[in-house]
Amino acid sequence: MTPETPEAGSRPLGILAGSGQLPLAIAAAAHASGRPVHIVGIDGFADEEIAGYSHERVNLGQVGRMIRSFQSAGCRDLVIAGAMRRPNLWALKIDSGFFRSIGTVLKLTRGGDDSVLRRVVRFFEAQGFRVCGVHEVAPDLLAPVGTLGRVHPTPEQGKAIMRGTALVRALGAFDVGQGTVVTPSRVVVVEGVRGTDAMLEDAAEHVRSSGRMRDVVLVKLPKPDQEMRVDLPVIGPATIEAAARAGLAGIAIGAGQSLVLDREETIRRADAAGLFVMGLAAAEIADEGASTAAASTNGGYALAGRLAPTPADRADIALGQRLMQ
């Protein structure tokens, strides 16, 4: 039976759900605004709670089934949310849609995270969907500018924020991570492929083994020129708990460019733990990244031979200087 075609404004919002609470937060926000949702959850990733909504679970290799599920539900707008590891091609349960899209699927095993996400967006757009950002469908999840709770960063912690901001922006050109844990004088750990939770576990070990670290701060920002419709930095109550266990003083995120899940509970836990949560304005992020980059490229090295570094060499030297500070 062919479903009735609803008016564009009342069409269900499609959510392609990976792991974590973000897909559920988006679904709840859409429902609160009166918009129905249809979730396609990826097996092995999507939370069991998606069962509370119109949904279907698929294997990552069932590309055709994903598309048909959204189409049958009448979805035209689509949000891609939640974490997913890169596919193990040997574990995929492939369907005919996989074979028709084999070129795209194989490309998803290559390149950095952001380049992979851009290919995913282009793929679904080619199927006739409009890929939306979380900020379009659930704007209340975006972090505001300023301190979210009662705890404010000290001047020394502000210096740590500046260091972390410059580092994340510098590493963004290499499509590495979105976060780092820093002090005013050193880099403790940088986010890698294992994600924020693993980074905070590593930071906790460093802080415990040092016994002297103070003003330790987590900075989490989108990469420069990041595809803003997918993979925005996210924090929530679990992030606060992990930061507290690691002995951190607070968390700085990009205002309007990062998401805060369950904001009231996140703030309550941060206040209880004595952690600040700060939303950085876009101008602050850009200014600090530019000023630090300029300072790092103003020399600091002398030629020992006749060959001078190229502009690309100088950029790599500047990145190395920032990492070693």
C-alpha atoms as a PDB file:
ATOM      1  CA  MET A   1       0.000   0.000   0.000  1.00  0.00           C
ATOM      2  CA  THR A   2       1.423   3.364  -0.985  1.00  0.00           C
ATOM      3  CA  PRO A   3       1.493   5.813   1.946  1.00  0.00           C
ATOM      4  CA  GLU A   4      -0.262   9.131   1.603  1.00  0.00           C
ATOM      5  CA  THR A   5       2.013  12.017   0.770  1.00  0.00           C
ATOM      6  CA  PRO A   6       1.833  14.632   3.544  1.00  0.00           C
ATOM      7  CA  GLU A   7       2.386  18.297   3.041  1.00  0.00           C
ATOM      8  CA  ALA A   8       6.068  19.251   3.027  1.00  0.00           C
ATOM      9  CA  GLY A   9       5.867  20.987   6.411  1.00  0.00           C
ATOM     10  CA  SER A  10       4.435  17.913   8.135  1.00  0.00           C
ATOM     11  CA  ARG A  11       6.679  15.291   6.548  1.00  0.00           C
ATOM     12  CA  PRO A  12       8.513  13.158   9.096  1.00  0.00           C
ATOM     13  CA  LEU A  13      12.080  14.080   9.855  1.00  0.00           C
ATOM     14  CA  GLY A  14      14.401  11.229   8.956  1.00  0.00           C
ATOM     15  CA  ILE A  15      17.178  10.454  11.451  1.00  0.00           C
ATOM     16  CA  LEU A  16      20.037   8.159  10.512  1.00  0.00           C
ATOM     17  CA  ALA A  17      21.130   7.094  13.991  1.00  0.00           C
ATOM     18  CA  GLY A  18      24.545   5.998  15.148  1.00  0.00           C
ATOM     19  CA  SER A  19      25.501   5.558  18.806  1.00  0.00           C
ATOM     20  CA  GLY A  20      24.937   7.898  21.725  1.00  0.00           C
ATOM     21  CA  GLN A  21      22.076  10.052  22.939  1.00  0.00           C
ATOM     22  CA  LEU A  22      22.170  12.707  20.197  1.00  0.00           C
ATOM     23  CA  PRO A  23      19.741  10.936  17.798  1.00  0.00           C
ATOM     24  CA  LEU A  24      17.247  10.589  20.656  1.00  0.00           C
ATOM     25  CA  ALA A  25      17.676  14.238  21.665  1.00  0.00           C
ATOM     26  CA  ILE A  26      16.956  15.315  18.076  1.00  0.00           C
ATOM     27  CA  ALA A  27      13.901  13.039  17.921  1.00  0.00           C
ATOM     28  CA  ALA A  28      12.580  14.475  21.204  1.00  0.00           C
ATOM     29  CA  ALA A  29      13.112  18.060  19.987  1.00  0.00           C
ATOM     30  CA  ALA A  30      11.308  17.348  16.714  1.00  0.00           C
ATOM     31  CA  HIS A  31       8.388  15.729  18.558  1.00  0.00           C
ATOM     32  CA  ALA A  32       8.188  18.691  20.944  1.00  0.00           C
ATOM     33  CA  SER A  33       7.797  20.976  17.923  1.00  0.00           C
ATOM     34  CA  GLY A  34       4.992  18.780  16.588  1.00  0.00           C
ATOM     35  CA  ARG A  35       6.993  17.097  13.847  1.00  0.00           C
ATOM     36  CA  PRO A  36       6.965  13.299  13.507  1.00  0.00           C
ATOM     37  CA  VAL A  37      10.228  11.426  13.048  1.00  0.00           C
ATOM     38  CA  HIS A  38      11.360   8.180  11.465  1.00  0.00           C
ATOM     39  CA  ILE A  39      14.634   6.713  12.690  1.00  0.00           C
ATOM     40  CA  VAL A  40      16.821   4.321  10.773  1.00  0.00           C
ATOM     41  CA  GLY A  41      19.142   2.877  13.396  1.00  0.00           C
ATOM     42  CA  ILE A  42      22.447   1.253  12.474  1.00  0.00           C
ATOM     43  CA  ASP A  43      22.840  -2.183  14.056  1.00  0.00           C
ATOM     44  CA  GLY A  44      25.576  -2.283  16.633  1.00  0.00           C
ATOM     45  CA  PHE A  45      25.447   1.470  17.147  1.00  0.00           C
ATOM     46  CA  ALA A  46      21.930   2.895  17.638  1.00  0.00           C
ATOM     47  CA  ASP A  47      20.479   2.956  21.150  1.00  0.00           C
ATOM     48  CA  GLU A  48      17.641   0.581  22.041  1.00  0.00           C
ATOM     49  CA  GLU A  49      15.495   3.595  22.966  1.00  0.00           C
ATOM     50  CA  ILE A  50      14.860   4.393  19.308  1.00  0.00           C
ATOM     51  CA  ALA A  51      12.105   1.791  19.665  1.00  0.00           C
ATOM     52  CA  GLY A  52      10.004   4.569  21.198  1.00  0.00           C
ATOM     53  CA  TYR A  53       9.685   6.155  17.745  1.00  0.00           C
ATOM     54  CA  SER A  54       8.810   5.035  14.237  1.00  0.00           C
ATOM     55  CA  HIS A  55      11.992   3.188  13.338  1.00  0.00           C
ATOM     56  CA  GLU A  56      13.786   0.443  11.496  1.00  0.00           C
ATOM     57  CA  ARG A  57      17.135  -1.169  12.254  1.00  0.00           C
ATOM     58  CA  VAL A  58      19.497  -1.955   9.401  1.00  0.00           C
ATOM     59  CA  ASN A  59      23.002  -3.268   8.928  1.00  0.00           C
ATOM     60  CA  LEU A  60      25.495  -0.695   7.734  1.00  0.00           C
ATOM     61  CA  GLY A  61      25.770  -2.568   4.445  1.00  0.00           C
ATOM     62  CA  GLN A  62      22.032  -2.401   3.728  1.00  0.00           C
ATOM     63  CA  VAL A  63      22.232   0.886   1.885  1.00  0.00           C
ATOM     64  CA  GLY A  64      19.201   0.226  -0.282  1.00  0.00           C
ATOM     65  CA  ARG A  65      17.099  -0.656   2.743  1.00  0.00           C
ATOM     66  CA  MET A  66      18.095   2.595   4.471  1.00  0.00           C
ATOM     67  CA  ILE A  67      16.944   4.643   1.512  1.00  0.00           C
ATOM     68  CA  ARG A  68      13.698   2.693   1.060  1.00  0.00           C
ATOM     69  CA  SER A  69      12.884   3.028   4.758  1.00  0.00           C
ATOM     70  CA  PHE A  70      13.153   6.812   4.677  1.00  0.00           C
ATOM     71  CA  GLN A  71      11.265   7.027   1.395  1.00  0.00           C
ATOM     72  CA  SER A  72       8.436   4.767   2.612  1.00  0.00           C
ATOM     73  CA  ALA A  73       8.038   6.895   5.712  1.00  0.00           C
ATOM     74  CA  GLY A  74       7.690  10.015   3.538  1.00  0.00           C
ATOM     75  CA  CYS A  75      10.936  11.640   4.701  1.00  0.00           C
ATOM     76  CA  ARG A  76      12.592  14.322   2.618  1.00  0.00           C
ATOM     77  CA  ASP A  77      14.642  16.050   5.339  1.00  0.00           C
ATOM     78  CA  LEU A  78      17.340  13.915   6.898  1.00  0.00           C
ATOM     79  CA  VAL A  79      19.644  14.344   9.902  1.00  0.00           C
ATOM     80  CA  ILE A  80      22.733  12.170  10.342  1.00  0.00           C
ATOM     81  CA  ALA A  81      23.578  11.913  14.037  1.00  0.00           C
ATOM     82  CA  GLY A  82      25.547   9.769  16.436  1.00  0.00           C
ATOM     83  CA  ALA A  83      28.966   8.176  16.321  1.00  0.00           C
ATOM     84  CA  MET A  84      29.868   5.369  13.948  1.00  0.00           C
ATOM     85  CA  ARG A  85      33.163   3.626  13.413  1.00  0.00           C
ATOM     86  CA  ARG A  86      34.418   3.079   9.896  1.00  0.00           C
ATOM     87  CA  PRO A  87      32.868   0.019   8.283  1.00  0.00           C
ATOM     88  CA  ASN A  88      34.526  -3.379   8.403  1.00  0.00           C
ATOM     89  CA  LEU A  89      33.669  -4.550   4.898  1.00  0.00           C
ATOM     90  CA  TRP A  90      33.834  -8.197   5.966  1.00  0.00           C
ATOM     91  CA  ALA A  91      31.089  -7.694   8.581  1.00  0.00           C
ATOM     92  CA  LEU A  92      28.595  -5.972   6.265  1.00  0.00           C
ATOM     93  CA  LYS A  93      25.326  -7.635   5.291  1.00  0.00           C
ATOM     94  CA  ILE A  94      25.142  -6.135   1.857  1.00  0.00           C
ATOM     95  CA  ASP A  95      22.090  -5.608  -0.315  1.00  0.00           C
ATOM     96  CA  SER A  96      21.579  -4.506  -3.913  1.00  0.00           C
ATOM     97  CA  GLY A  97      21.791  -0.848  -2.859  1.00  0.00           C
ATOM     98  CA  PHE A  98      25.284  -1.527  -1.558  1.00  0.00           C
ATOM     99  CA  PHE A  99      26.406  -2.805  -4.950  1.00  0.00           C
ATOM    100  CA  ARG A 100      24.891   0.191  -6.710  1.00  0.00           C
ATOM    101  CA  SER A 101      26.820   2.439  -4.316  1.00  0.00           C
ATOM    102  CA  ILE A 102      30.007   0.384  -4.080  1.00  0.00           C
ATOM    103  CA  GLY A 103      32.211   3.303  -5.166  1.00  0.00           C
ATOM    104  CA  THR A 104      30.927   5.522  -2.357  1.00  0.00           C
ATOM    105  CA  VAL A 105      31.098   2.766   0.264  1.00  0.00           C
ATOM    106  CA  LEU A 106      34.719   1.969  -0.567  1.00  0.00           C
ATOM    107  CA  LYS A 107      35.630   5.662  -0.354  1.00  0.00           C
ATOM    108  CA  LEU A 108      34.288   5.714   3.217  1.00  0.00           C
ATOM    109  CA  THR A 109      37.282   3.613   4.266  1.00  0.00           C
ATOM    110  CA  ARG A 110      39.718   6.294   3.121  1.00  0.00           C
ATOM    111  CA  GLY A 111      40.519   9.846   4.184  1.00  0.00           C
ATOM    112  CA  GLY A 112      39.982  11.717   7.429  1.00  0.00           C
ATOM    113  CA  ASP A 113      36.745  11.810   9.384  1.00  0.00           C
ATOM    114  CA  ASP A 114      35.533  15.076   7.879  1.00  0.00           C
ATOM    115  CA  SER A 115      36.163  13.953   4.291  1.00  0.00           C
ATOM    116  CA  VAL A 116      34.214  10.752   5.000  1.00  0.00           C
ATOM    117  CA  LEU A 117      31.283  12.717   6.419  1.00  0.00           C
ATOM    118  CA  ARG A 118      31.199  15.005   3.406  1.00  0.00           C
ATOM    119  CA  ARG A 119      30.902  11.940   1.152  1.00  0.00           C
ATOM    120  CA  VAL A 120      28.034  10.602   3.267  1.00  0.00           C
ATOM    121  CA  VAL A 121      26.188  13.923   2.945  1.00  0.00           C
ATOM    122  CA  ARG A 122      26.701  14.029  -0.823  1.00  0.00           C
ATOM    123  CA  PHE A 123      25.516  10.434  -1.154  1.00  0.00           C
ATOM    124  CA  PHE A 124      22.171  11.067   0.554  1.00  0.00           C
ATOM    125  CA  GLU A 125      21.687  14.328  -1.309  1.00  0.00           C
ATOM    126  CA  ALA A 126      22.143  12.392  -4.553  1.00  0.00           C
ATOM    127  CA  GLN A 127      19.252  10.145  -3.433  1.00  0.00           C
ATOM    128  CA  GLY A 128      16.939  13.180  -3.262  1.00  0.00           C
ATOM    129  CA  PHE A 129      17.121  13.945   0.465  1.00  0.00           C
ATOM    130  CA  ARG A 130      17.898  17.315   2.014  1.00  0.00           C
ATOM    131  CA  VAL A 131      20.538  16.731   4.680  1.00  0.00           C
ATOM    132  CA  CYS A 132      19.898  19.120   7.583  1.00  0.00           C
ATOM    133  CA  GLY A 133      22.112  20.198  10.444  1.00  0.00           C
ATOM    134  CA  VAL A 134      21.061  19.717  14.049  1.00  0.00           C
ATOM    135  CA  HIS A 135      21.022  23.506  14.381  1.00  0.00           C
ATOM    136  CA  GLU A 136      18.186  23.614  11.827  1.00  0.00           C
ATOM    137  CA  VAL A 137      15.901  21.054  13.484  1.00  0.00           C
ATOM    138  CA  ALA A 138      16.875  21.337  17.170  1.00  0.00           C
ATOM    139  CA  PRO A 139      18.405  24.802  17.713  1.00  0.00           C
ATOM    140  CA  ASP A 140      17.877  24.611  21.492  1.00  0.00           C
ATOM    141  CA  LEU A 141      20.676  22.026  21.650  1.00  0.00           C
ATOM    142  CA  LEU A 142      23.271  24.599  20.539  1.00  0.00           C
ATOM    143  CA  ALA A 143      25.630  25.943  23.201  1.00  0.00           C
ATOM    144  CA  PRO A 144      25.113  29.636  24.046  1.00  0.00           C
ATOM    145  CA  VAL A 145      27.888  32.223  24.483  1.00  0.00           C
ATOM    146  CA  GLY A 146      29.306  32.574  27.976  1.00  0.00           C
ATOM    147  CA  THR A 147      29.364  30.527  31.171  1.00  0.00           C
ATOM    148  CA  LEU A 148      26.505  28.054  31.435  1.00  0.00           C
ATOM    149  CA  GLY A 149      26.567  27.435  35.200  1.00  0.00           C
ATOM    150  CA  ARG A 150      27.692  29.112  38.420  1.00  0.00           C
ATOM    151  CA  VAL A 151      31.398  28.281  38.044  1.00  0.00           C
ATOM    152  CA  HIS A 152      33.557  30.677  36.015  1.00  0.00           C
ATOM    153  CA  PRO A 153      37.066  30.092  34.657  1.00  0.00           C
ATOM    154  CA  THR A 154      39.967  31.798  36.408  1.00  0.00           C
ATOM    155  CA  PRO A 155      42.495  33.884  34.436  1.00  0.00           C
ATOM    156  CA  GLU A 156      44.907  30.917  34.411  1.00  0.00           C
ATOM    157  CA  GLN A 157      42.186  28.634  33.107  1.00  0.00           C
ATOM    158  CA  GLY A 158      41.448  31.259  30.474  1.00  0.00           C
ATOM    159  CA  LYS A 159      45.056  30.908  29.299  1.00  0.00           C
ATOM    160  CA  ALA A 160      44.542  27.157  29.025  1.00  0.00           C
ATOM    161  CA  ILE A 161      41.428  27.752  26.930  1.00  0.00           C
ATOM    162  CA  MET A 162      43.434  30.000  24.587  1.00  0.00           C
ATOM    163  CA  ARG A 163      46.135  27.339  24.199  1.00  0.00           C
ATOM    164  CA  GLY A 164      43.586  24.596  23.515  1.00  0.00           C
ATOM    165  CA  THR A 165      41.684  26.746  21.025  1.00  0.00           C
ATOM    166  CA  ALA A 166      44.813  27.468  19.002  1.00  0.00           C
ATOM    167  CA  LEU A 167      45.833  23.806  19.037  1.00  0.00           C
ATOM    168  CA  VAL A 168      42.465  22.445  17.873  1.00  0.00           C
ATOM    169  CA  ARG A 169      42.336  24.972  15.057  1.00  0.00           C
ATOM    170  CA  ALA A 170      45.890  24.109  13.979  1.00  0.00           C
ATOM    171  CA  LEU A 171      45.177  20.375  14.007  1.00  0.00           C
ATOM    172  CA  GLY A 172      41.938  20.893  12.067  1.00  0.00           C
ATOM    173  CA  ALA A 173      43.905  21.267   8.843  1.00  0.00           C
ATOM    174  CA  PHE A 174      45.048  17.665   9.340  1.00  0.00           C
ATOM    175  CA  ASP A 175      41.489  16.366   9.974  1.00  0.00           C
ATOM    176  CA  VAL A 176      42.499  14.954  13.360  1.00  0.00           C
ATOM    177  CA  GLY A 177      40.198  15.480  16.351  1.00  0.00           C
ATOM    178  CA  GLN A 178      37.883  18.113  17.755  1.00  0.00           C
ATOM    179  CA  GLY A 179      39.232  18.198  21.269  1.00  0.00           C
ATOM    180  CA  THR A 180      42.257  18.534  23.491  1.00  0.00           C
ATOM    181  CA  VAL A 181      43.017  18.597  27.217  1.00  0.00           C
ATOM    182  CA  VAL A 182      45.493  21.336  28.144  1.00  0.00           C
ATOM    183  CA  THR A 183      46.914  23.398  30.978  1.00  0.00           C
ATOM    184  CA  PRO A 184      48.134  27.007  30.669  1.00  0.00           C
ATOM    185  CA  SER A 185      51.638  25.690  29.976  1.00  0.00           C
ATOM    186  CA  ARG A 186      51.299  22.308  28.270  1.00  0.00           C
ATOM    187  CA  VAL A 187      49.231  19.982  26.107  1.00  0.00           C
ATOM    188  CA  VAL A 188      48.100  16.952  28.110  1.00  0.00           C
ATOM    189  CA  VAL A 189      46.399  14.875  25.407  1.00  0.00           C
ATOM    190  CA  VAL A 190      44.781  15.349  21.976  1.00  0.00           C
ATOM    191  CA  GLU A 191      41.622  13.601  20.811  1.00  0.00           C
ATOM    192  CA  GLY A 192      42.251  10.777  18.348  1.00  0.00           C
ATOM    193  CA  VAL A 193      40.187   8.173  16.557  1.00  0.00           C
ATOM    194  CA  ARG A 194      39.008   6.659  19.876  1.00  0.00           C
ATOM    195  CA  GLY A 195      36.995   9.783  20.681  1.00  0.00           C
ATOM    196  CA  THR A 196      36.419  12.103  23.630  1.00  0.00           C
ATOM    197  CA  ASP A 197      35.757   9.444  26.281  1.00  0.00           C
ATOM    198  CA  ALA A 198      39.062   7.718  25.581  1.00  0.00           C
ATOM    199  CA  MET A 199      40.858  11.078  25.553  1.00  0.00           C
ATOM    200  CA  LEU A 200      39.458  11.893  29.004  1.00  0.00           C
ATOM    201  CA  GLU A 201      40.538   8.485  30.305  1.00  0.00           C
ATOM    202  CA  ASP A 202      44.061   9.198  29.055  1.00  0.00           C
ATOM    203  CA  ALA A 203      43.926  12.663  30.623  1.00  0.00           C
ATOM    204  CA  ALA A 204      42.893  11.169  33.967  1.00  0.00           C
ATOM    205  CA  GLU A 205      45.929   8.879  33.892  1.00  0.00           C
ATOM    206  CA  HIS A 206      48.254  11.789  33.064  1.00  0.00           C
ATOM    207  CA  VAL A 207      46.806  13.935  35.856  1.00  0.00           C
ATOM    208  CA  ARG A 208      47.076  11.090  38.401  1.00  0.00           C
ATOM    209  CA  SER A 209      50.641  10.242  37.432  1.00  0.00           C
ATOM    210  CA  SER A 210      51.729  13.891  37.501  1.00  0.00           C
ATOM    211  CA  GLY A 211      50.179  14.849  40.798  1.00  0.00           C
ATOM    212  CA  ARG A 212      51.054  18.487  40.070  1.00  0.00           C
ATOM    213  CA  MET A 213      48.735  19.511  37.220  1.00  0.00           C
ATOM    214  CA  ARG A 214      46.410  22.436  37.865  1.00  0.00           C
ATOM    215  CA  ASP A 215      43.959  24.352  35.700  1.00  0.00           C
ATOM    216  CA  VAL A 216      43.432  21.387  33.367  1.00  0.00           C
ATOM    217  CA  VAL A 217      40.804  22.210  30.742  1.00  0.00           C
ATOM    218  CA  LEU A 218      38.978  20.346  27.972  1.00  0.00           C
ATOM    219  CA  VAL A 219      38.543  22.366  24.767  1.00  0.00           C
ATOM    220  CA  LYS A 220      36.170  20.945  22.154  1.00  0.00           C
ATOM    221  CA  LEU A 221      35.589  22.806  18.894  1.00  0.00           C
ATOM    222  CA  PRO A 222      34.553  22.078  15.309  1.00  0.00           C
ATOM    223  CA  LYS A 223      37.386  21.907  12.817  1.00  0.00           C
ATOM    224  CA  PRO A 224      37.908  24.910  10.527  1.00  0.00           C
ATOM    225  CA  ASP A 225      35.681  24.539   7.435  1.00  0.00           C
ATOM    226  CA  GLN A 226      33.993  21.497   8.990  1.00  0.00           C
ATOM    227  CA  GLU A 227      30.813  20.160   7.386  1.00  0.00           C
ATOM    228  CA  MET A 228      28.449  21.678   9.975  1.00  0.00           C
ATOM    229  CA  ARG A 229      25.508  19.439   9.125  1.00  0.00           C
ATOM    230  CA  VAL A 230      27.173  16.419  10.707  1.00  0.00           C
ATOM    231  CA  ASP A 231      29.487  15.605  13.603  1.00  0.00           C
ATOM    232  CA  LEU A 232      29.254  18.810  15.625  1.00  0.00           C
ATOM    233  CA  PRO A 233      31.085  18.553  18.966  1.00  0.00           C
ATOM    234  CA  VAL A 234      28.757  17.269  21.696  1.00  0.00           C
ATOM    235  CA  ILE A 235      28.884  17.335  25.481  1.00  0.00           C
ATOM    236  CA  GLY A 236      26.361  16.157  28.044  1.00  0.00           C
ATOM    237  CA  PRO A 237      26.041  14.848  31.593  1.00  0.00           C
ATOM    238  CA  ALA A 238      28.348  11.914  30.838  1.00  0.00           C
ATOM    239  CA  THR A 239      31.041  14.341  29.639  1.00  0.00           C
ATOM    240  CA  ILE A 240      30.838  16.219  32.933  1.00  0.00           C
ATOM    241  CA  GLU A 241      31.228  13.000  34.902  1.00  0.00           C
ATOM    242  CA  ALA A 242      34.237  11.937  32.829  1.00  0.00           C
ATOM    243  CA  ALA A 243      35.821  15.401  33.138  1.00  0.00           C
ATOM    244  CA  ALA A 244      35.338  15.353  36.913  1.00  0.00           C
ATOM    245  CA  ARG A 245      36.940  11.902  37.186  1.00  0.00           C
ATOM    246  CA  ALA A 246      39.895  13.206  35.164  1.00  0.00           C
ATOM    247  CA  GLY A 247      40.410  16.099  37.586  1.00  0.00           C
ATOM    248  CA  LEU A 248      39.582  18.803  35.040  1.00  0.00           C
ATOM    249  CA  ALA A 249      38.723  22.371  36.002  1.00  0.00           C
ATOM    250  CA  GLY A 250      36.240  22.907  33.187  1.00  0.00           C
ATOM    251  CA  ILE A 251      35.152  22.598  29.574  1.00  0.00           C
ATOM    252  CA  ALA A 252      35.189  25.160  26.758  1.00  0.00           C
ATOM    253  CA  ILE A 253      33.124  24.596  23.608  1.00  0.00           C
ATOM    254  CA  GLY A 254      32.163  26.610  20.553  1.00  0.00           C
ATOM    255  CA  ALA A 255      28.985  28.611  21.079  1.00  0.00           C
ATOM    256  CA  GLY A 256      26.528  28.033  18.236  1.00  0.00           C
ATOM    257  CA  GLN A 257      28.884  25.355  16.883  1.00  0.00           C
ATOM    258  CA  SER A 258      28.607  22.698  19.603  1.00  0.00           C
ATOM    259  CA  LEU A 259      25.721  20.793  21.179  1.00  0.00           C
ATOM    260  CA  VAL A 260      24.791  20.407  24.829  1.00  0.00           C
ATOM    261  CA  LEU A 261      22.590  17.401  25.590  1.00  0.00           C
ATOM    262  CA  ASP A 262      20.207  17.551  28.568  1.00  0.00           C
ATOM    263  CA  ARG A 263      21.389  21.074  29.348  1.00  0.00           C
ATOM    264  CA  GLU A 264      19.805  21.455  32.779  1.00  0.00           C
ATOM    265  CA  GLU A 265      21.298  18.193  34.028  1.00  0.00           C
ATOM    266  CA  THR A 266      24.658  18.994  32.436  1.00  0.00           C
ATOM    267  CA  ILE A 267      24.796  22.346  34.244  1.00  0.00           C
ATOM    268  CA  ARG A 268      23.607  20.820  37.521  1.00  0.00           C
ATOM    269  CA  ARG A 269      26.376  18.206  37.455  1.00  0.00           C
ATOM    270  CA  ALA A 270      28.999  20.755  36.441  1.00  0.00           C
ATOM    271  CA  ASP A 271      28.043  23.055  39.313  1.00  0.00           C
ATOM    272  CA  ALA A 272      28.046  20.129  41.749  1.00  0.00           C
ATOM    273  CA  ALA A 273      31.508  19.064  40.571  1.00  0.00           C
ATOM    274  CA  GLY A 274      32.888  22.626  40.614  1.00  0.00           C
ATOM    275  CA  LEU A 275      33.539  22.601  36.851  1.00  0.00           C
ATOM    276  CA  PHE A 276      32.948  25.526  34.538  1.00  0.00           C
ATOM    277  CA  VAL A 277      31.277  25.075  31.149  1.00  0.00           C
ATOM    278  CA  MET A 278      32.035  27.942  28.762  1.00  0.00           C
ATOM    279  CA  GLY A 279      30.620  28.699  25.322  1.00  0.00           C
ATOM    280  CA  LEU A 280      33.215  30.537  23.212  1.00  0.00           C
ATOM    281  CA  ALA A 281      32.007  33.070  20.643  1.00  0.00           C
ATOM    282  CA  ALA A 282      33.109  32.411  17.065  1.00  0.00           C
ATOM    283  CA  ALA A 283      35.134  35.650  17.037  1.00  0.00           C
ATOM    284  CA  GLU A 284      37.101  34.536  20.116  1.00  0.00           C
ATOM    285  CA  ILE A 285      37.960  31.221  18.466  1.00  0.00           C
ATOM    286  CA  ALA A 286      39.012  32.809  15.176  1.00  0.00           C
ATOM    287  CA  ASP A 287      41.026  35.605  16.799  1.00  0.00           C
ATOM    288  CA  GLU A 288      42.948  33.293  19.094  1.00  0.00           C
ATOM    289  CA  GLY A 289      43.711  30.827  16.330  1.00  0.00           C
ATOM    290  CA  ALA A 290      44.942  33.576  14.018  1.00  0.00           C
ATOM    291  CA  SER A 291      47.056  35.364  16.625  1.00  0.00           C
ATOM    292  CA  THR A 292      48.741  32.185  17.801  1.00  0.00           C
ATOM    293  CA  ALA A 293      49.407  31.056  14.249  1.00  0.00           C
ATOM    294  CA  ALA A 294      50.952  34.415  13.429  1.00  0.00           C
ATOM    295  CA  ALA A 295      53.140  34.301  16.521  1.00  0.00           C
ATOM    296  CA  SER A 296      54.334  30.825  15.608  1.00  0.00           C
ATOM    297  CA  THR A 297      55.309  31.773  12.063  1.00  0.00           C
ATOM    298  CA  ASN A 298      57.293  34.873  12.991  1.00  0.00           C
ATOM    299  CA  GLY A 299      60.550  32.952  13.109  1.00  0.00           C
ATOM    300  CA  GLY A 300      61.830  31.107  16.112  1.00  0.00           C
ATOM    301  CA  TYR A 301      64.301  29.185  13.952  1.00  0.00           C
ATOM    302  CA  ALA A 302      67.416  30.037  11.962  1.00  0.00           C
ATOM    303  CA  LEU A 303      68.669  28.555   8.716  1.00  0.00           C
ATOM    304  CA  ALA A 304      71.720  26.342   9.089  1.00  0.00           C
ATOM    305  CA  GLY A 305      72.234  25.880   5.355  1.00  0.00           C
ATOM    306  CA  ARG A 306      71.526  27.539   2.024  1.00  0.00           C
ATOM    307  CA  LEU A 307      68.038  26.107   1.408  1.00  0.00           C
ATOM    308  CA  ALA A 308      65.079  28.100   2.725  1.00  0.00           C
ATOM    309  CA  PRO A 309      61.792  26.429   3.760  1.00  0.00           C
ATOM    310  CA  THR A 310      58.835  26.714   1.407  1.00  0.00           C
ATOM    311  CA  PRO A 311      55.548  28.232   2.630  1.00  0.00           C
ATOM    312  CA  ALA A 312      54.232  24.681   3.186  1.00  0.00           C
ATOM    313  CA  ASP A 313      57.374  23.827   5.167  1.00  0.00           C
ATOM    314  CA  ARG A 314      56.918  26.936   7.307  1.00  0.00           C
ATOM    315  CA  ALA A 315      53.316  25.981   8.047  1.00  0.00           C
ATOM    316  CA  ASP A 316      54.463  22.533   9.194  1.00  0.00           C
ATOM    317  CA  ILE A 317      57.201  24.126  11.325  1.00  0.00           C
ATOM    318  CA  ALA A 318      54.589  26.406  12.944  1.00  0.00           C
ATOM    319  CA  LEU A 319      52.353  23.441  13.719  1.00  0.00           C
ATOM    320  CA  GLY A 320      55.276  21.586  15.267  1.00  0.00           C
ATOM    321  CA  GLN A 321      56.138  24.617  17.395  1.00  0.00           C
ATOM    322  CA  ARG A 322      52.583  24.841  18.697  1.00  0.00           C
ATOM    323  CA  LEU A 323      52.491  21.128  19.506  1.00  0.00           C
ATOM    324  CA  MET A 324      55.792  21.335  21.382  1.00  0.00           C
ATOM    325  CA  GLN A 325      54.845  24.349  23.493  1.00  0.00           C
END
